[in-house]
Amino acid sequence: MYSIRSLYRIGRGPSASHTIGPARAAVIFREHYPQAHAYRVQLQGSLAATGRGHMTDLAIEQALAPAVVSFDWQPDLLQEFHPNGILFQALDESGQEVGKWQVYSVGGGELAEKNPSGWLPRMKSIYPLTTMTDILKHCIQNGLSLWEFVEECEGKEIWDFLAEVWQAMRAAIDRGLQTEGILPGGLGLARKAWVFYRKVAISGENFLNEGMLPAYALATAEENASGGVVVTAPTCGSCGILPAVLRYLQEKIQCTEQSILHALATAGLIGTIVKHNASISGAEVGCQGEVGVACAMAAGAAAQLLGGTPRQVEYAAEMGLEHHLGLTCDPVNGLVQIPCIERNVFASSRALSCTRYACSTDGCHRISFDEVVKVMKQTGHDLPSLYRETAGGGLAVTYRFPPQRKPRK
């Protein structure tokens, strides 16, 4: 199981798999064919179906600039390896192919190949245990917290990395709370975080206590939707949930900075377990792999901050994922706005509900986190492709306005 460094990525939204991943792939391809006169890029499956709304073409064009880039959109070309396929072709002055590369954006900004070329950096597995059950057993036998297990595997230098992650998360919230206007993409969707934050600040004490949480989630999710810098947690589409919960609790119960970093480590471990054993790709398993996993991460992190035992942390995470099973990925016009932004808000609240429930018990329950992860993976594979980030079903076809932007020639 890989480092949590590969789960938390700082980059520009609106999508880790459709923006950050393809841009990274384009940079790698350009490095191998820097003298190419032009590039042709075939976007396959979900990348073609929702790539325009996710600004996939713009991210790739910027990465390959100043060369001319042409796109071939193939939404019905579903590769068996993963639905987010990209075929890069380097062309000479006569338009002849001088090189090509098939790569896949598999979620959270990570890239993979069916046939390894040696182009992608080799990632080293650093976790000897890959299930929550085995990790819990190890921690209980050795008197460790989950964050201490992370340090045991990652080394003490992980805290400098997580401090950078937390700084980026806080910055995204702060920018989102102070920015007004319309989100890009053509839906005419106005930012709400600033208004929400102001109304909460002047309301009564009871509303103030609960109101800041959705304001923080809105702020981050809207920053992502506008192409701002966010942290994948575990994806861009679900990036508002964990930061909102952590900032809310830091202010509510006066957590130290170090406690927040410990909570980020635990959340990263939870997300990495899911990523290793199932998927965090909306194109592969639907939104349950994005918002559902983010809710699990936030619930587990919150349980730790509230003094929960490792078993209570696991229980909170299990409920966070369990109660998002079957959640579809059906972005309107392929934009990470409707219903994505509001899902960040409500999943943040649900994460705290799971935390309170778990911490009120002894942590014992019938269905384990690992079992829910298996069910989530199978459920995602059973979902028709229209509900897996293709904008072909659900809300994406119920509400269409206005037409999607035309692809560049």
Protein backbone atom coordinates (compact mmCIF):
# COMPACT_ATOMS: atom_id res chain seq x y z
CA MET A 1 0.00 0.00 0.00
CA TYR A 2 1.46 3.34 -1.08
CA SER A 3 2.20 6.45 0.96
CA ILE A 4 -0.60 8.84 1.87
CA ARG A 5 1.46 11.38 -0.09
CA SER A 6 -0.12 9.88 -3.21
CA LEU A 7 -3.62 10.46 -1.76
CA TYR A 8 -3.21 14.11 -0.77
CA ARG A 9 -2.25 16.08 -3.87
CA ILE A 10 -2.19 19.88 -4.01
CA GLY A 11 -3.39 21.10 -7.39
CA ARG A 12 -5.98 23.00 -9.37
CA GLY A 13 -9.56 21.78 -9.65
CA PRO A 14 -12.14 21.02 -10.68
CA SER A 15 -11.25 17.33 -10.94
CA ALA A 16 -8.35 15.16 -9.84
CA SER A 17 -8.99 12.39 -12.37
CA HIS A 18 -10.15 14.68 -15.19
CA THR A 19 -7.86 17.69 -14.68
CA ILE A 20 -4.85 16.99 -12.45
CA GLY A 21 -4.20 13.48 -13.79
CA PRO A 22 -4.46 14.31 -17.52
CA ALA A 23 -2.29 17.41 -17.05
CA ARG A 24 0.39 15.32 -15.34
CA ALA A 25 0.21 12.76 -18.14
CA ALA A 26 0.57 15.49 -20.78
CA VAL A 27 3.70 16.84 -19.08
CA ILE A 28 5.24 13.36 -19.03
CA PHE A 29 4.43 12.76 -22.70
CA ARG A 30 5.85 16.15 -23.71
CA GLU A 31 9.09 15.32 -21.89
CA HIS A 32 9.48 12.23 -24.11
CA TYR A 33 8.56 14.02 -27.34
CA PRO A 34 9.60 17.66 -26.79
CA GLN A 35 10.32 18.24 -30.49
CA ALA A 36 6.86 17.19 -31.68
CA HIS A 37 5.28 19.69 -34.07
CA ALA A 38 1.77 18.93 -32.74
CA TYR A 39 -0.09 16.51 -30.51
CA ARG A 40 -3.28 14.53 -30.94
CA VAL A 41 -5.09 13.43 -27.79
CA GLN A 42 -7.84 10.83 -27.72
CA LEU A 43 -10.00 11.09 -24.61
CA GLN A 44 -11.77 7.83 -23.86
CA GLY A 45 -14.80 6.88 -21.78
CA SER A 46 -15.61 9.19 -18.89
CA LEU A 47 -12.82 11.59 -19.82
CA ALA A 48 -14.59 12.23 -23.12
CA ALA A 49 -18.12 12.21 -21.66
CA THR A 50 -17.46 14.86 -19.00
CA GLY A 51 -14.06 16.21 -20.01
CA ARG A 52 -15.37 19.50 -21.37
CA GLY A 53 -17.13 20.37 -18.13
CA HIS A 54 -14.10 19.25 -16.13
CA MET A 55 -11.81 21.37 -18.34
CA THR A 56 -9.75 18.32 -19.31
CA ASP A 57 -8.89 19.76 -22.72
CA LEU A 58 -7.79 23.09 -21.24
CA ALA A 59 -5.54 21.36 -18.69
CA ILE A 60 -3.91 19.26 -21.41
CA GLU A 61 -3.52 22.23 -23.78
CA GLN A 62 -1.78 24.24 -21.09
CA ALA A 63 0.55 21.33 -20.29
CA LEU A 64 1.48 20.85 -23.97
CA ALA A 65 1.70 24.57 -24.90
CA PRO A 66 2.78 26.14 -27.16
CA ALA A 67 2.32 23.16 -29.51
CA VAL A 68 -0.99 22.73 -31.36
CA VAL A 69 -3.23 20.11 -29.75
CA SER A 70 -6.19 18.39 -31.41
CA PHE A 71 -8.70 16.27 -29.54
CA ASP A 72 -10.58 13.12 -30.45
CA TRP A 73 -13.54 12.67 -28.09
CA GLN A 74 -14.55 9.00 -27.68
CA PRO A 75 -17.10 8.68 -24.82
CA ASP A 76 -18.19 5.20 -25.93
CA LEU A 77 -14.66 3.80 -25.98
CA LEU A 78 -14.54 2.10 -22.59
CA GLN A 79 -11.21 0.41 -21.97
CA GLU A 80 -11.31 -2.66 -19.75
CA PHE A 81 -8.39 -1.47 -17.63
CA HIS A 82 -10.14 1.76 -16.53
CA PRO A 83 -12.85 4.05 -17.95
CA ASN A 84 -10.55 7.12 -17.86
CA GLY A 85 -8.27 6.38 -20.81
CA ILE A 86 -6.03 8.79 -22.73
CA LEU A 87 -4.12 8.06 -25.94
CA PHE A 88 -1.42 10.65 -26.66
CA GLN A 89 0.12 10.90 -30.12
CA ALA A 90 3.11 13.06 -31.07
CA LEU A 91 3.07 14.30 -34.68
CA ASP A 92 5.78 15.64 -36.98
CA GLU A 93 5.37 18.58 -39.42
CA SER A 94 3.70 16.33 -42.00
CA GLY A 95 1.18 15.06 -39.46
CA GLN A 96 2.76 11.64 -39.19
CA GLU A 97 2.85 9.89 -35.82
CA VAL A 98 6.29 9.76 -34.24
CA GLY A 99 5.22 8.35 -30.87
CA LYS A 100 2.22 7.40 -28.78
CA TRP A 101 1.28 6.51 -25.22
CA GLN A 102 -1.83 4.95 -23.70
CA VAL A 103 -2.32 5.93 -20.08
CA TYR A 104 -5.16 6.00 -17.56
CA SER A 105 -6.18 8.57 -14.96
CA VAL A 106 -7.35 6.24 -12.21
CA GLY A 107 -8.56 8.67 -9.54
CA GLY A 108 -7.16 11.25 -7.17
CA GLY A 109 -4.75 12.53 -9.84
CA GLU A 110 -2.91 9.21 -10.06
CA LEU A 111 -1.86 7.65 -13.37
CA ALA A 112 -1.49 4.00 -14.36
CA GLU A 113 -0.61 1.90 -17.38
CA LYS A 114 -1.90 -1.49 -18.49
CA ASN A 115 1.42 -2.17 -20.19
CA PRO A 116 4.19 -0.50 -18.15
CA SER A 117 6.50 1.69 -20.22
CA GLY A 118 8.74 2.83 -17.43
CA TRP A 119 7.58 6.42 -17.94
CA LEU A 120 5.64 6.69 -14.70
CA PRO A 121 7.57 7.12 -11.46
CA ARG A 122 7.78 3.85 -9.59
CA MET A 123 5.85 3.99 -6.36
CA LYS A 124 7.11 2.02 -3.39
CA SER A 125 4.74 0.11 -1.15
CA ILE A 126 5.49 1.18 2.41
CA TYR A 127 2.58 -0.24 4.39
CA PRO A 128 2.98 -3.92 5.33
CA LEU A 129 -0.70 -4.14 6.29
CA THR A 130 -3.44 -3.26 3.81
CA THR A 131 -6.74 -3.83 5.61
CA MET A 132 -8.29 -1.94 8.50
CA THR A 133 -8.80 -5.22 10.35
CA ASP A 134 -5.10 -6.09 10.31
CA ILE A 135 -4.06 -2.52 11.09
CA LEU A 136 -6.44 -2.34 14.07
CA LYS A 137 -5.11 -5.64 15.39
CA HIS A 138 -1.54 -4.37 15.11
CA CYS A 139 -2.39 -1.07 16.80
CA ILE A 140 -4.30 -2.65 19.67
CA GLN A 141 -1.58 -5.24 20.32
CA ASN A 142 1.11 -2.56 20.38
CA GLY A 143 -0.82 0.24 22.08
CA LEU A 144 -0.68 2.48 19.02
CA SER A 145 -3.07 5.06 17.67
CA LEU A 146 -3.77 4.94 13.94
CA TRP A 147 -1.70 8.08 13.38
CA GLU A 148 1.22 6.45 15.18
CA PHE A 149 0.96 3.53 12.76
CA VAL A 150 1.18 6.03 9.90
CA GLU A 151 4.32 7.54 11.43
CA GLU A 152 5.74 4.07 11.96
CA CYS A 153 5.40 3.36 8.22
CA GLU A 154 5.98 6.81 6.73
CA GLY A 155 8.64 8.21 9.04
CA LYS A 156 8.63 11.47 10.99
CA GLU A 157 9.07 13.51 7.81
CA ILE A 158 5.41 12.87 7.02
CA TRP A 159 4.47 15.68 9.43
CA ASP A 160 6.15 18.36 7.33
CA PHE A 161 4.21 17.10 4.33
CA LEU A 162 0.90 17.10 6.23
CA ALA A 163 1.60 20.61 7.53
CA GLU A 164 1.84 21.74 3.89
CA VAL A 165 -1.41 19.91 3.11
CA TRP A 166 -3.21 21.56 6.02
CA GLN A 167 -1.92 24.99 5.02
CA ALA A 168 -3.29 24.47 1.48
CA MET A 169 -6.64 23.30 2.87
CA ARG A 170 -6.99 26.34 5.12
CA ALA A 171 -6.00 28.68 2.30
CA ALA A 172 -8.70 27.21 0.05
CA ILE A 173 -11.32 27.78 2.76
CA ASP A 174 -10.18 31.36 3.33
CA ARG A 175 -10.23 32.21 -0.37
CA GLY A 176 -13.64 30.62 -0.80
CA LEU A 177 -15.12 32.55 2.12
CA GLN A 178 -14.07 35.89 0.64
CA THR A 179 -14.88 35.38 -3.04
CA GLU A 180 -18.17 36.27 -4.68
CA GLY A 181 -19.50 35.91 -8.19
CA ILE A 182 -20.59 33.24 -10.68
CA LEU A 183 -18.84 29.92 -11.02
CA PRO A 184 -17.43 29.25 -14.51
CA GLY A 185 -18.97 26.71 -16.85
CA GLY A 186 -22.23 28.24 -18.04
CA LEU A 187 -24.71 27.04 -15.40
CA GLY A 188 -24.95 30.52 -13.93
CA LEU A 189 -24.39 29.10 -10.46
CA ALA A 190 -23.57 31.79 -7.90
CA ARG A 191 -21.06 31.22 -5.13
CA LYS A 192 -22.83 30.89 -1.77
CA ALA A 193 -20.04 30.51 0.78
CA TRP A 194 -19.49 34.26 1.34
CA VAL A 195 -23.20 34.99 1.88
CA PHE A 196 -23.64 31.90 4.03
CA TYR A 197 -20.63 32.80 6.17
CA ARG A 198 -21.84 36.37 6.70
CA LYS A 199 -25.37 35.30 7.63
CA VAL A 200 -24.08 32.71 10.05
CA ALA A 201 -21.72 35.22 11.68
CA ILE A 202 -24.57 37.59 12.57
CA SER A 203 -27.07 34.89 13.59
CA GLY A 204 -27.80 33.46 17.01
CA GLU A 205 -25.35 31.32 18.93
CA ASN A 206 -27.10 28.03 18.17
CA PHE A 207 -27.02 28.60 14.42
CA LEU A 208 -23.45 29.85 14.65
CA ASN A 209 -22.31 26.60 16.20
CA GLU A 210 -23.59 24.49 13.34
CA GLY A 211 -23.49 27.01 10.51
CA MET A 212 -19.73 27.38 10.10
CA LEU A 213 -19.31 23.75 9.05
CA PRO A 214 -21.35 24.05 5.81
CA ALA A 215 -19.79 27.47 5.13
CA TYR A 216 -16.31 25.90 5.18
CA ALA A 217 -17.40 23.00 2.96
CA LEU A 218 -19.04 25.40 0.49
CA ALA A 219 -15.96 27.60 0.39
CA THR A 220 -13.60 24.77 -0.55
CA ALA A 221 -15.97 23.08 -2.99
CA GLU A 222 -16.60 26.39 -4.77
CA GLU A 223 -12.89 27.10 -4.98
CA ASN A 224 -12.49 23.72 -6.63
CA ALA A 225 -15.35 24.35 -9.06
CA SER A 226 -13.67 27.60 -10.14
CA GLY A 227 -10.36 25.88 -10.84
CA GLY A 228 -8.68 27.08 -7.65
CA VAL A 229 -5.91 25.30 -5.74
CA VAL A 230 -7.27 22.58 -3.46
CA VAL A 231 -6.13 19.31 -1.91
CA THR A 232 -7.46 15.98 -3.14
CA ALA A 233 -9.12 14.38 -0.11
CA PRO A 234 -9.40 11.90 -1.65
CA THR A 235 -10.49 13.70 -4.87
CA CYS A 236 -11.12 17.27 -6.02
CA GLY A 237 -14.87 16.66 -6.26
CA SER A 238 -14.97 15.76 -2.55
CA CYS A 239 -12.23 18.13 -1.39
CA GLY A 240 -14.44 20.26 0.88
CA ILE A 241 -15.48 17.60 3.40
CA LEU A 242 -12.33 16.82 5.39
CA PRO A 243 -11.05 20.43 5.59
CA ALA A 244 -14.45 21.67 6.73
CA VAL A 245 -14.73 19.10 9.53
CA LEU A 246 -11.16 19.63 10.72
CA ARG A 247 -11.39 23.44 10.75
CA TYR A 248 -14.78 23.36 12.47
CA LEU A 249 -13.46 21.07 15.22
CA GLN A 250 -10.22 23.01 15.57
CA GLU A 251 -12.23 26.12 16.35
CA LYS A 252 -14.93 24.35 18.37
CA ILE A 253 -12.79 22.30 20.76
CA GLN A 254 -9.50 24.23 20.48
CA CYS A 255 -7.44 21.44 18.87
CA THR A 256 -3.71 21.99 18.59
CA GLU A 257 -2.09 22.13 15.18
CA GLN A 258 -0.32 18.84 15.90
CA SER A 259 -3.65 17.16 16.69
CA ILE A 260 -4.99 18.29 13.32
CA LEU A 261 -1.95 16.80 11.56
CA HIS A 262 -2.49 13.53 13.44
CA ALA A 263 -6.11 13.56 12.29
CA LEU A 264 -4.97 14.17 8.70
CA ALA A 265 -2.69 11.14 8.98
CA THR A 266 -5.56 8.95 10.17
CA ALA A 267 -7.86 10.26 7.46
CA GLY A 268 -5.15 9.63 4.87
CA LEU A 269 -4.77 6.06 6.09
CA ILE A 270 -8.53 5.47 5.78
CA GLY A 271 -8.60 6.87 2.25
CA THR A 272 -5.53 4.91 1.21
CA ILE A 273 -7.06 1.64 2.42
CA VAL A 274 -10.08 2.28 0.19
CA LYS A 275 -7.91 3.36 -2.72
CA HIS A 276 -5.81 0.19 -2.42
CA ASN A 277 -8.65 -2.28 -1.96
CA ALA A 278 -11.38 -0.64 -4.06
CA SER A 279 -11.35 2.74 -5.85
CA ILE A 280 -11.72 6.47 -5.33
CA SER A 281 -12.57 7.09 -8.99
CA GLY A 282 -16.06 8.38 -9.74
CA ALA A 283 -15.72 6.98 -13.26
CA GLU A 284 -15.14 3.52 -11.81
CA VAL A 285 -17.41 3.30 -8.75
CA GLY A 286 -19.56 6.43 -8.75
CA CYS A 287 -19.65 9.22 -6.18
CA GLN A 288 -19.60 6.74 -3.30
CA GLY A 289 -15.87 6.45 -4.04
CA GLU A 290 -15.43 10.21 -3.78
CA VAL A 291 -17.91 11.81 -1.37
CA GLY A 292 -18.48 8.50 0.44
CA VAL A 293 -14.77 7.95 1.06
CA ALA A 294 -14.26 11.60 2.02
CA CYS A 295 -17.06 11.27 4.58
CA ALA A 296 -15.38 8.16 6.00
CA MET A 297 -12.05 9.97 6.21
CA ALA A 298 -13.60 12.97 7.94
CA ALA A 299 -15.64 10.85 10.35
CA GLY A 300 -12.60 8.81 11.37
CA ALA A 301 -10.43 11.90 11.78
CA ALA A 302 -13.12 13.62 13.86
CA ALA A 303 -13.53 10.58 16.10
CA GLN A 304 -9.82 10.66 16.84
CA LEU A 305 -9.93 14.39 17.63
CA LEU A 306 -12.79 13.76 20.05
CA GLY A 307 -10.76 11.15 21.92
CA GLY A 308 -12.12 8.06 20.23
CA THR A 309 -10.35 4.72 20.43
CA PRO A 310 -9.02 3.07 17.25
CA ARG A 311 -12.16 0.90 17.18
CA GLN A 312 -14.40 3.95 17.47
CA VAL A 313 -12.43 5.63 14.68
CA GLU A 314 -12.96 2.57 12.50
CA TYR A 315 -16.67 2.51 13.35
CA ALA A 316 -17.12 6.17 12.46
CA ALA A 317 -15.32 5.63 9.13
CA GLU A 318 -17.39 2.52 8.42
CA MET A 319 -20.64 4.42 8.88
CA GLY A 320 -19.42 7.33 6.80
CA LEU A 321 -18.86 5.04 3.83
CA GLU A 322 -21.76 2.65 4.49
CA HIS A 323 -24.38 5.38 4.33
CA HIS A 324 -23.14 6.59 0.95
CA LEU A 325 -23.28 3.18 -0.72
CA GLY A 326 -24.76 3.39 -4.20
CA LEU A 327 -24.26 7.16 -4.53
CA THR A 328 -24.17 7.97 -8.23
CA CYS A 329 -21.83 10.33 -10.04
CA ASP A 330 -24.12 12.37 -12.31
CA PRO A 331 -22.63 15.88 -12.71
CA VAL A 332 -24.85 18.30 -14.62
CA ASN A 333 -23.13 19.33 -17.88
CA GLY A 334 -20.06 17.46 -16.66
CA LEU A 335 -19.31 20.29 -14.23
CA VAL A 336 -18.22 19.69 -10.64
CA GLN A 337 -21.05 21.91 -9.36
CA ILE A 338 -24.51 20.29 -9.33
CA PRO A 339 -24.91 18.17 -7.21
CA CYS A 340 -21.24 17.99 -6.19
CA ILE A 341 -20.94 21.20 -4.16
CA GLU A 342 -23.98 20.53 -1.96
CA ARG A 343 -22.87 16.93 -1.46
CA ASN A 344 -19.70 18.26 0.18
CA VAL A 345 -21.87 20.26 2.59
CA PHE A 346 -24.15 17.44 3.64
CA ALA A 347 -21.41 14.82 3.81
CA SER A 348 -19.54 17.09 6.24
CA SER A 349 -22.56 17.12 8.54
CA ARG A 350 -23.01 13.39 8.15
CA ALA A 351 -19.38 12.80 9.06
CA LEU A 352 -19.89 14.53 12.41
CA SER A 353 -23.12 12.58 13.00
CA CYS A 354 -21.21 9.32 12.41
CA THR A 355 -18.51 10.51 14.79
CA ARG A 356 -20.92 11.36 17.59
CA TYR A 357 -22.69 8.03 17.20
CA ALA A 358 -19.48 5.98 17.14
CA CYS A 359 -17.98 7.79 20.14
CA SER A 360 -21.16 7.10 22.12
CA THR A 361 -20.58 3.35 21.72
CA ASP A 362 -17.74 1.01 22.65
CA GLY A 363 -16.81 0.73 18.98
CA CYS A 364 -18.19 -2.78 18.54
CA HIS A 365 -20.44 -3.38 15.52
CA ARG A 366 -21.42 -6.16 13.11
CA ILE A 367 -20.16 -4.95 9.71
CA SER A 368 -16.50 -4.00 9.47
CA PHE A 369 -14.98 -1.16 7.50
CA ASP A 370 -13.22 -3.66 5.23
CA GLU A 371 -16.52 -5.37 4.42
CA VAL A 372 -18.11 -2.05 3.47
CA VAL A 373 -15.13 -1.29 1.22
CA LYS A 374 -15.69 -4.59 -0.61
CA VAL A 375 -19.40 -3.86 -0.96
CA MET A 376 -18.66 -0.35 -2.25
CA LYS A 377 -16.35 -1.74 -4.92
CA GLN A 378 -18.90 -4.31 -6.07
CA THR A 379 -21.75 -1.80 -5.95
CA GLY A 380 -19.73 0.58 -8.10
CA HIS A 381 -19.07 -2.10 -10.69
CA ASP A 382 -22.76 -3.01 -10.70
CA LEU A 383 -23.84 0.58 -11.36
CA PRO A 384 -24.70 1.22 -15.01
CA SER A 385 -22.08 3.41 -16.69
CA LEU A 386 -24.59 6.26 -16.92
CA TYR A 387 -24.18 6.73 -13.18
CA ARG A 388 -20.38 6.63 -13.19
CA GLU A 389 -19.23 10.11 -14.19
CA THR A 390 -20.48 10.04 -17.74
CA ALA A 391 -23.23 12.68 -17.30
CA GLY A 392 -25.50 10.18 -19.04
CA GLY A 393 -28.07 9.59 -16.32
CA GLY A 394 -29.67 10.88 -13.15
CA LEU A 395 -29.52 14.61 -12.49
CA ALA A 396 -27.21 15.09 -15.46
CA VAL A 397 -30.05 14.36 -17.90
CA THR A 398 -32.86 15.70 -15.73
CA TYR A 399 -31.35 19.17 -15.74
CA ARG A 400 -29.42 20.32 -18.82
CA PHE A 401 -28.75 24.04 -19.22
CA PRO A 402 -27.11 25.49 -21.21
CA PRO A 403 -25.42 23.34 -23.91
CA GLN A 404 -21.86 22.19 -23.19
CA ARG A 405 -18.97 24.18 -24.58
CA LYS A 406 -17.90 23.10 -28.05
CA PRO A 407 -14.58 21.24 -28.19
CA ARG A 408 -11.60 23.05 -29.68
CA LYS A 409 -10.57 22.04 -33.19
